[in-house]
PDB file of N, CA and C in Angstrom:
ATOM      1  N   UNK A   1     -42.269  69.866   7.235  1.00  0.00           N
ATOM      2  CA  UNK A   1     -42.794  70.647   6.146  1.00  0.00           C
ATOM      3  C   UNK A   1     -42.671  72.132   6.490  1.00  0.00           C
ATOM      4  N   UNK A   2     -42.148  72.915   5.567  1.00  0.00           N
ATOM      5  CA  UNK A   2     -42.006  74.346   5.816  1.00  0.00           C
ATOM      6  C   UNK A   2     -42.860  75.128   4.822  1.00  0.00           C
ATOM      7  N   UNK A   3     -43.303  76.296   5.256  1.00  0.00           N
ATOM      8  CA  UNK A   3     -44.097  77.165   4.407  1.00  0.00           C
ATOM      9  C   UNK A   3     -43.153  78.123   3.703  1.00  0.00           C
ATOM     10  N   UNK A   4     -43.288  78.197   2.391  1.00  0.00           N
ATOM     11  CA  UNK A   4     -42.432  79.090   1.616  1.00  0.00           C
ATOM     12  C   UNK A   4     -43.104  80.450   1.488  1.00  0.00           C
ATOM     13  N   UNK A   5     -42.352  81.501   1.762  1.00  0.00           N
ATOM     14  CA  UNK A   5     -42.913  82.846   1.662  1.00  0.00           C
ATOM     15  C   UNK A   5     -42.981  83.291   0.209  1.00  0.00           C
ATOM     16  N   UNK A   6     -43.843  84.255  -0.030  1.00  0.00           N
ATOM     17  CA  UNK A   6     -44.015  84.813  -1.366  1.00  0.00           C
ATOM     18  C   UNK A   6     -42.726  85.505  -1.790  1.00  0.00           C
ATOM     19  N   UNK A   7     -42.362  85.371  -3.051  1.00  0.00           N
ATOM     20  CA  UNK A   7     -41.107  85.939  -3.527  1.00  0.00           C
ATOM     21  C   UNK A   7     -41.292  87.222  -4.341  1.00  0.00           C
ATOM     22  N   UNK A   8     -42.476  87.451  -4.903  1.00  0.00           N
ATOM     23  CA  UNK A   8     -42.711  88.634  -5.729  1.00  0.00           C
ATOM     24  C   UNK A   8     -44.088  89.213  -5.435  1.00  0.00           C
ATOM     25  N   UNK A   9     -44.153  90.527  -5.447  1.00  0.00           N
ATOM     26  CA  UNK A   9     -45.426  91.214  -5.254  1.00  0.00           C
ATOM     27  C   UNK A   9     -45.304  92.617  -5.828  1.00  0.00           C
ATOM     28  N   UNK A  10     -46.438  93.280  -6.009  1.00  0.00           N
ATOM     29  CA  UNK A  10     -46.442  94.642  -6.522  1.00  0.00           C
ATOM     30  C   UNK A  10     -46.137  95.616  -5.389  1.00  0.00           C
ATOM     31  N   UNK A  11     -45.396  96.654  -5.711  1.00  0.00           N
ATOM     32  CA  UNK A  11     -45.051  97.690  -4.729  1.00  0.00           C
ATOM     33  C   UNK A  11     -45.166  99.063  -5.391  1.00  0.00           C
ATOM     34  N   UNK A  12     -45.518 100.057  -4.595  1.00  0.00           N
ATOM     35  CA  UNK A  12     -45.703 101.417  -5.117  1.00  0.00           C
ATOM     36  C   UNK A  12     -44.473 102.270  -4.833  1.00  0.00           C
ATOM     37  N   UNK A  13     -44.006 102.956  -5.856  1.00  0.00           N
ATOM     38  CA  UNK A  13     -42.940 103.943  -5.709  1.00  0.00           C
ATOM     39  C   UNK A  13     -43.635 105.274  -5.408  1.00  0.00           C
ATOM     40  N   UNK A  14     -43.680 105.641  -4.138  1.00  0.00           N
ATOM     41  CA  UNK A  14     -44.425 106.828  -3.724  1.00  0.00           C
ATOM     42  C   UNK A  14     -43.791 108.133  -4.194  1.00  0.00           C
ATOM     43  N   UNK A  15     -42.580 108.083  -4.698  1.00  0.00           N
ATOM     44  CA  UNK A  15     -41.979 109.285  -5.277  1.00  0.00           C
ATOM     45  C   UNK A  15     -42.595 109.581  -6.642  1.00  0.00           C
ATOM     46  N   UNK A  16     -43.091 108.558  -7.322  1.00  0.00           N
ATOM     47  CA  UNK A  16     -43.715 108.723  -8.633  1.00  0.00           C
ATOM     48  C   UNK A  16     -45.236 108.809  -8.561  1.00  0.00           C
ATOM     49  N   UNK A  17     -45.824 108.152  -7.585  1.00  0.00           N
ATOM     50  CA  UNK A  17     -47.284 108.047  -7.484  1.00  0.00           C
ATOM     51  C   UNK A  17     -47.913 109.402  -7.147  1.00  0.00           C
ATOM     52  N   UNK A  18     -48.885 109.824  -7.970  1.00  0.00           N
ATOM     53  CA  UNK A  18     -49.592 111.078  -7.721  1.00  0.00           C
ATOM     54  C   UNK A  18     -50.945 111.058  -8.425  1.00  0.00           C
ATOM     55  N   UNK A  19     -51.999 110.608  -7.734  1.00  0.00           N
ATOM     56  CA  UNK A  19     -53.327 110.567  -8.355  1.00  0.00           C
ATOM     57  C   UNK A  19     -53.818 111.928  -8.845  1.00  0.00           C
ATOM     58  N   UNK A  20     -53.270 113.008  -8.310  1.00  0.00           N
ATOM     59  CA  UNK A  20     -53.649 114.346  -8.787  1.00  0.00           C
ATOM     60  C   UNK A  20     -53.159 114.555 -10.226  1.00  0.00           C
ATOM     61  N   UNK A  21     -52.079 113.874 -10.591  1.00  0.00           N
ATOM     62  CA  UNK A  21     -51.514 113.992 -11.931  1.00  0.00           C
ATOM     63  C   UNK A  21     -52.144 113.001 -12.901  1.00  0.00           C
ATOM     64  N   UNK A  22     -52.274 111.747 -12.497  1.00  0.00           N
ATOM     65  CA  UNK A  22     -52.761 110.728 -13.432  1.00  0.00           C
ATOM     66  C   UNK A  22     -54.276 110.729 -13.584  1.00  0.00           C
ATOM     67  N   UNK A  23     -54.990 111.261 -12.600  1.00  0.00           N
ATOM     68  CA  UNK A  23     -56.456 111.338 -12.687  1.00  0.00           C
ATOM     69  C   UNK A  23     -56.936 112.673 -12.115  1.00  0.00           C
ATOM     70  N   UNK A  24     -56.597 113.793 -12.789  1.00  0.00           N
ATOM     71  CA  UNK A  24     -56.889 115.114 -12.229  1.00  0.00           C
ATOM     72  C   UNK A  24     -58.381 115.407 -12.045  1.00  0.00           C
ATOM     73  N   UNK A  25     -59.247 114.768 -12.812  1.00  0.00           N
ATOM     74  CA  UNK A  25     -60.680 115.029 -12.689  1.00  0.00           C
ATOM     75  C   UNK A  25     -61.329 114.297 -11.522  1.00  0.00           C
ATOM     76  N   UNK A  26     -60.904 113.045 -11.301  1.00  0.00           N
ATOM     77  CA  UNK A  26     -61.564 112.206 -10.284  1.00  0.00           C
ATOM     78  C   UNK A  26     -60.697 111.911  -9.072  1.00  0.00           C
ATOM     79  N   UNK A  27     -59.378 111.888  -9.254  1.00  0.00           N
ATOM     80  CA  UNK A  27     -58.478 111.520  -8.169  1.00  0.00           C
ATOM     81  C   UNK A  27     -58.478 110.040  -7.875  1.00  0.00           C
ATOM     82  N   UNK A  28     -59.125 109.263  -8.739  1.00  0.00           N
ATOM     83  CA  UNK A  28     -59.184 107.816  -8.549  1.00  0.00           C
ATOM     84  C   UNK A  28     -58.025 107.147  -9.277  1.00  0.00           C
ATOM     85  N   UNK A  29     -57.228 106.417  -8.546  1.00  0.00           N
ATOM     86  CA  UNK A  29     -56.083 105.718  -9.116  1.00  0.00           C
ATOM     87  C   UNK A  29     -56.564 104.646 -10.092  1.00  0.00           C
ATOM     88  N   UNK A  30     -56.104 104.677 -11.352  1.00  0.00           N
ATOM     89  CA  UNK A  30     -56.536 103.671 -12.320  1.00  0.00           C
ATOM     90  C   UNK A  30     -56.076 102.254 -11.960  1.00  0.00           C
ATOM     91  N   UNK A  31     -55.007 102.140 -11.210  1.00  0.00           N
ATOM     92  CA  UNK A  31     -54.528 100.819 -10.804  1.00  0.00           C
ATOM     93  C   UNK A  31     -55.473 100.161  -9.807  1.00  0.00           C
ATOM     94  N   UNK A  32     -56.159 100.961  -9.009  1.00  0.00           N
ATOM     95  CA  UNK A  32     -57.110 100.416  -8.031  1.00  0.00           C
ATOM     96  C   UNK A  32     -58.233  99.686  -8.757  1.00  0.00           C
ATOM     97  N   UNK A  33     -58.806 100.333  -9.754  1.00  0.00           N
ATOM     98  CA  UNK A  33     -59.905  99.688 -10.473  1.00  0.00           C
ATOM     99  C   UNK A  33     -59.431  98.538 -11.348  1.00  0.00           C
ATOM    100  N   UNK A  34     -58.163  98.536 -11.733  1.00  0.00           N
ATOM    101  CA  UNK A  34     -57.624  97.452 -12.564  1.00  0.00           C
ATOM    102  C   UNK A  34     -57.356  96.179 -11.773  1.00  0.00           C
ATOM    103  N   UNK A  35     -57.230  96.304 -10.459  1.00  0.00           N
ATOM    104  CA  UNK A  35     -56.909  95.130  -9.629  1.00  0.00           C
ATOM    105  C   UNK A  35     -58.165  94.294  -9.393  1.00  0.00           C
ATOM    106  N   UNK A  36     -58.272  93.183 -10.106  1.00  0.00           N
ATOM    107  CA  UNK A  36     -59.448  92.315  -9.967  1.00  0.00           C
ATOM    108  C   UNK A  36     -59.460  91.576  -8.630  1.00  0.00           C
ATOM    109  N   UNK A  37     -58.314  91.517  -7.963  1.00  0.00           N
ATOM    110  CA  UNK A  37     -58.225  90.829  -6.671  1.00  0.00           C
ATOM    111  C   UNK A  37     -58.508  91.781  -5.503  1.00  0.00           C
ATOM    112  N   UNK A  38     -58.677  93.061  -5.811  1.00  0.00           N
ATOM    113  CA  UNK A  38     -59.028  94.088  -4.814  1.00  0.00           C
ATOM    114  C   UNK A  38     -58.015  94.196  -3.675  1.00  0.00           C
ATOM    115  N   UNK A  39     -56.732  94.126  -4.014  1.00  0.00           N
ATOM    116  CA  UNK A  39     -55.685  94.226  -2.988  1.00  0.00           C
ATOM    117  C   UNK A  39     -54.955  95.564  -3.021  1.00  0.00           C
ATOM    118  N   UNK A  40     -55.387  96.475  -3.882  1.00  0.00           N
ATOM    119  CA  UNK A  40     -54.837  97.823  -3.907  1.00  0.00           C
ATOM    120  C   UNK A  40     -56.014  98.781  -3.678  1.00  0.00           C
ATOM    121  N   UNK A  41     -55.853  99.679  -2.710  1.00  0.00           N
ATOM    122  CA  UNK A  41     -56.958 100.557  -2.316  1.00  0.00           C
ATOM    123  C   UNK A  41     -56.451 101.945  -1.970  1.00  0.00           C
ATOM    124  N   UNK A  42     -57.301 102.936  -2.177  1.00  0.00           N
ATOM    125  CA  UNK A  42     -57.023 104.304  -1.756  1.00  0.00           C
ATOM    126  C   UNK A  42     -57.708 104.501  -0.401  1.00  0.00           C
ATOM    127  N   UNK A  43     -57.075 104.073   0.647  1.00  0.00           N
ATOM    128  CA  UNK A  43     -57.667 104.087   1.981  1.00  0.00           C
ATOM    129  C   UNK A  43     -57.889 105.489   2.526  1.00  0.00           C
ATOM    130  N   UNK A  44     -57.037 106.426   2.144  1.00  0.00           N
ATOM    131  CA  UNK A  44     -57.147 107.792   2.663  1.00  0.00           C
ATOM    132  C   UNK A  44     -58.050 108.671   1.805  1.00  0.00           C
ATOM    133  N   UNK A  45     -58.666 108.096   0.773  1.00  0.00           N
ATOM    134  CA  UNK A  45     -59.601 108.830  -0.061  1.00  0.00           C
ATOM    135  C   UNK A  45     -59.053 109.172  -1.430  1.00  0.00           C
ATOM    136  N   UNK A  46     -59.932 109.771  -2.238  1.00  0.00           N
ATOM    137  CA  UNK A  46     -59.526 110.157  -3.588  1.00  0.00           C
ATOM    138  C   UNK A  46     -58.434 111.221  -3.524  1.00  0.00           C
ATOM    139  N   UNK A  47     -57.669 111.293  -4.570  1.00  0.00           N
ATOM    140  CA  UNK A  47     -56.515 112.181  -4.701  1.00  0.00           C
ATOM    141  C   UNK A  47     -55.364 111.815  -3.759  1.00  0.00           C
ATOM    142  N   UNK A  48     -55.478 110.683  -3.076  1.00  0.00           N
ATOM    143  CA  UNK A  48     -54.400 110.190  -2.206  1.00  0.00           C
ATOM    144  C   UNK A  48     -53.797 108.935  -2.820  1.00  0.00           C
ATOM    145  N   UNK A  49     -52.534 108.704  -2.543  1.00  0.00           N
ATOM    146  CA  UNK A  49     -51.856 107.520  -3.077  1.00  0.00           C
ATOM    147  C   UNK A  49     -52.467 106.247  -2.507  1.00  0.00           C
ATOM    148  N   UNK A  50     -52.553 105.211  -3.336  1.00  0.00           N
ATOM    149  CA  UNK A  50     -53.092 103.939  -2.862  1.00  0.00           C
ATOM    150  C   UNK A  50     -52.053 103.148  -2.082  1.00  0.00           C
ATOM    151  N   UNK A  51     -52.499 102.076  -1.483  1.00  0.00           N
ATOM    152  CA  UNK A  51     -51.572 101.131  -0.868  1.00  0.00           C
ATOM    153  C   UNK A  51     -51.928  99.739  -1.348  1.00  0.00           C
ATOM    154  N   UNK A  52     -50.928  98.879  -1.376  1.00  0.00           N
ATOM    155  CA  UNK A  52     -51.119  97.498  -1.818  1.00  0.00           C
ATOM    156  C   UNK A  52     -50.988  96.583  -0.609  1.00  0.00           C
ATOM    157  N   UNK A  53     -51.955  95.705  -0.439  1.00  0.00           N
ATOM    158  CA  UNK A  53     -51.855  94.676   0.587  1.00  0.00           C
ATOM    159  C   UNK A  53     -50.968  93.575   0.008  1.00  0.00           C
ATOM    160  N   UNK A  54     -49.658  93.741   0.215  1.00  0.00           N
ATOM    161  CA  UNK A  54     -48.674  92.908  -0.459  1.00  0.00           C
ATOM    162  C   UNK A  54     -48.784  91.430  -0.115  1.00  0.00           C
ATOM    163  N   UNK A  55     -49.214  91.118   1.092  1.00  0.00           N
ATOM    164  CA  UNK A  55     -49.331  89.708   1.456  1.00  0.00           C
ATOM    165  C   UNK A  55     -50.467  89.016   0.718  1.00  0.00           C
ATOM    166  N   UNK A  56     -51.372  89.802   0.120  1.00  0.00           N
ATOM    167  CA  UNK A  56     -52.493  89.233  -0.626  1.00  0.00           C
ATOM    168  C   UNK A  56     -52.323  89.386  -2.136  1.00  0.00           C
ATOM    169  N   UNK A  57     -51.264  90.032  -2.576  1.00  0.00           N
ATOM    170  CA  UNK A  57     -51.015  90.252  -4.004  1.00  0.00           C
ATOM    171  C   UNK A  57     -50.860  88.905  -4.714  1.00  0.00           C
ATOM    172  N   UNK A  58     -51.625  88.740  -5.800  1.00  0.00           N
ATOM    173  CA  UNK A  58     -51.619  87.487  -6.548  1.00  0.00           C
ATOM    174  C   UNK A  58     -50.595  87.473  -7.691  1.00  0.00           C
ATOM    175  N   UNK A  59     -49.938  88.595  -7.919  1.00  0.00           N
ATOM    176  CA  UNK A  59     -48.914  88.642  -8.962  1.00  0.00           C
ATOM    177  C   UNK A  59     -49.468  88.662 -10.378  1.00  0.00           C
ATOM    178  N   UNK A  60     -50.663  89.210 -10.567  1.00  0.00           N
ATOM    179  CA  UNK A  60     -51.224  89.281 -11.921  1.00  0.00           C
ATOM    180  C   UNK A  60     -50.653  90.466 -12.696  1.00  0.00           C
ATOM    181  N   UNK A  61     -50.164  91.470 -11.986  1.00  0.00           N
ATOM    182  CA  UNK A  61     -49.516  92.668 -12.515  1.00  0.00           C
ATOM    183  C   UNK A  61     -50.459  93.566 -13.311  1.00  0.00           C
ATOM    184  N   UNK A  62     -51.768  93.395 -13.165  1.00  0.00           N
ATOM    185  CA  UNK A  62     -52.724  94.284 -13.842  1.00  0.00           C
ATOM    186  C   UNK A  62     -52.560  95.727 -13.372  1.00  0.00           C
ATOM    187  N   UNK A  63     -52.232  95.916 -12.104  1.00  0.00           N
ATOM    188  CA  UNK A  63     -52.046  97.267 -11.574  1.00  0.00           C
ATOM    189  C   UNK A  63     -50.847  97.950 -12.224  1.00  0.00           C
ATOM    190  N   UNK A  64     -49.813  97.183 -12.506  1.00  0.00           N
ATOM    191  CA  UNK A  64     -48.620  97.745 -13.150  1.00  0.00           C
ATOM    192  C   UNK A  64     -48.965  98.250 -14.545  1.00  0.00           C
ATOM    193  N   UNK A  65     -49.723  97.462 -15.283  1.00  0.00           N
ATOM    194  CA  UNK A  65     -50.118  97.847 -16.635  1.00  0.00           C
ATOM    195  C   UNK A  65     -51.041  99.070 -16.621  1.00  0.00           C
ATOM    196  N   UNK A  66     -51.843  99.216 -15.567  1.00  0.00           N
ATOM    197  CA  UNK A  66     -52.816 100.303 -15.501  1.00  0.00           C
ATOM    198  C   UNK A  66     -52.239 101.623 -15.009  1.00  0.00           C
ATOM    199  N   UNK A  67     -51.095 101.608 -14.377  1.00  0.00           N
ATOM    200  CA  UNK A  67     -50.535 102.829 -13.796  1.00  0.00           C
ATOM    201  C   UNK A  67     -49.877 103.696 -14.875  1.00  0.00           C
ATOM    202  N   UNK A  68     -50.448 104.883 -15.159  1.00  0.00           N
ATOM    203  CA  UNK A  68     -49.888 105.732 -16.209  1.00  0.00           C
ATOM    204  C   UNK A  68     -48.565 106.396 -15.832  1.00  0.00           C
ATOM    205  N   UNK A  69     -48.228 106.402 -14.546  1.00  0.00           N
ATOM    206  CA  UNK A  69     -46.989 107.050 -14.099  1.00  0.00           C
ATOM    207  C   UNK A  69     -45.858 106.053 -13.853  1.00  0.00           C
ATOM    208  N   UNK A  70     -46.092 104.782 -14.156  1.00  0.00           N
ATOM    209  CA  UNK A  70     -45.107 103.723 -13.906  1.00  0.00           C
ATOM    210  C   UNK A  70     -44.636 103.733 -12.447  1.00  0.00           C
ATOM    211  N   UNK A  71     -45.588 103.970 -11.554  1.00  0.00           N
ATOM    212  CA  UNK A  71     -45.255 104.052 -10.133  1.00  0.00           C
ATOM    213  C   UNK A  71     -45.406 102.725  -9.406  1.00  0.00           C
ATOM    214  N   UNK A  72     -45.875 101.694 -10.094  1.00  0.00           N
ATOM    215  CA  UNK A  72     -46.017 100.373  -9.469  1.00  0.00           C
ATOM    216  C   UNK A  72     -45.036  99.428 -10.139  1.00  0.00           C
ATOM    217  N   UNK A  73     -44.277  98.740  -9.332  1.00  0.00           N
ATOM    218  CA  UNK A  73     -43.229  97.858  -9.812  1.00  0.00           C
ATOM    219  C   UNK A  73     -43.337  96.490  -9.145  1.00  0.00           C
ATOM    220  N   UNK A  74     -42.653  95.516  -9.727  1.00  0.00           N
ATOM    221  CA  UNK A  74     -42.563  94.191  -9.111  1.00  0.00           C
ATOM    222  C   UNK A  74     -41.427  94.226  -8.116  1.00  0.00           C
ATOM    223  N   UNK A  75     -41.702  93.814  -6.922  1.00  0.00           N
ATOM    224  CA  UNK A  75     -40.677  93.747  -5.869  1.00  0.00           C
ATOM    225  C   UNK A  75     -40.363  92.285  -5.628  1.00  0.00           C
ATOM    226  N   UNK A  76     -39.087  91.946  -5.668  1.00  0.00           N
ATOM    227  CA  UNK A  76     -38.635  90.575  -5.425  1.00  0.00           C
ATOM    228  C   UNK A  76     -37.930  90.535  -4.074  1.00  0.00           C
ATOM    229  N   UNK A  77     -38.218  89.512  -3.294  1.00  0.00           N
ATOM    230  CA  UNK A  77     -37.557  89.328  -1.998  1.00  0.00           C
ATOM    231  C   UNK A  77     -36.972  87.925  -1.936  1.00  0.00           C
ATOM    232  N   UNK A  78     -35.978  87.787  -1.104  1.00  0.00           N
ATOM    233  CA  UNK A  78     -35.345  86.469  -0.923  1.00  0.00           C
ATOM    234  C   UNK A  78     -34.446  86.114  -2.086  1.00  0.00           C
ATOM    235  N   UNK A  79     -33.999  84.875  -2.049  1.00  0.00           N
ATOM    236  CA  UNK A  79     -33.124  84.401  -3.124  1.00  0.00           C
ATOM    237  C   UNK A  79     -33.750  83.299  -3.905  1.00  0.00           C
TER     238      UNK A  79
END
């Protein structure tokens, strides 16, 4: 029996991501609060780009819908 690895997860395009632009008043990334699975976090604080714990991503894509800068995309790996 073999374990199959995850094939799709959310990933951040850090060239587009800028909480200073999408949330200038609070610096809180809207995708962080949209993630009901709590796998995307602003670890370095407000006004900093978030990171996604990709190995825990459930593939609900709520973060993608919540990102006003279209900086979160679906990443596919493997064949």
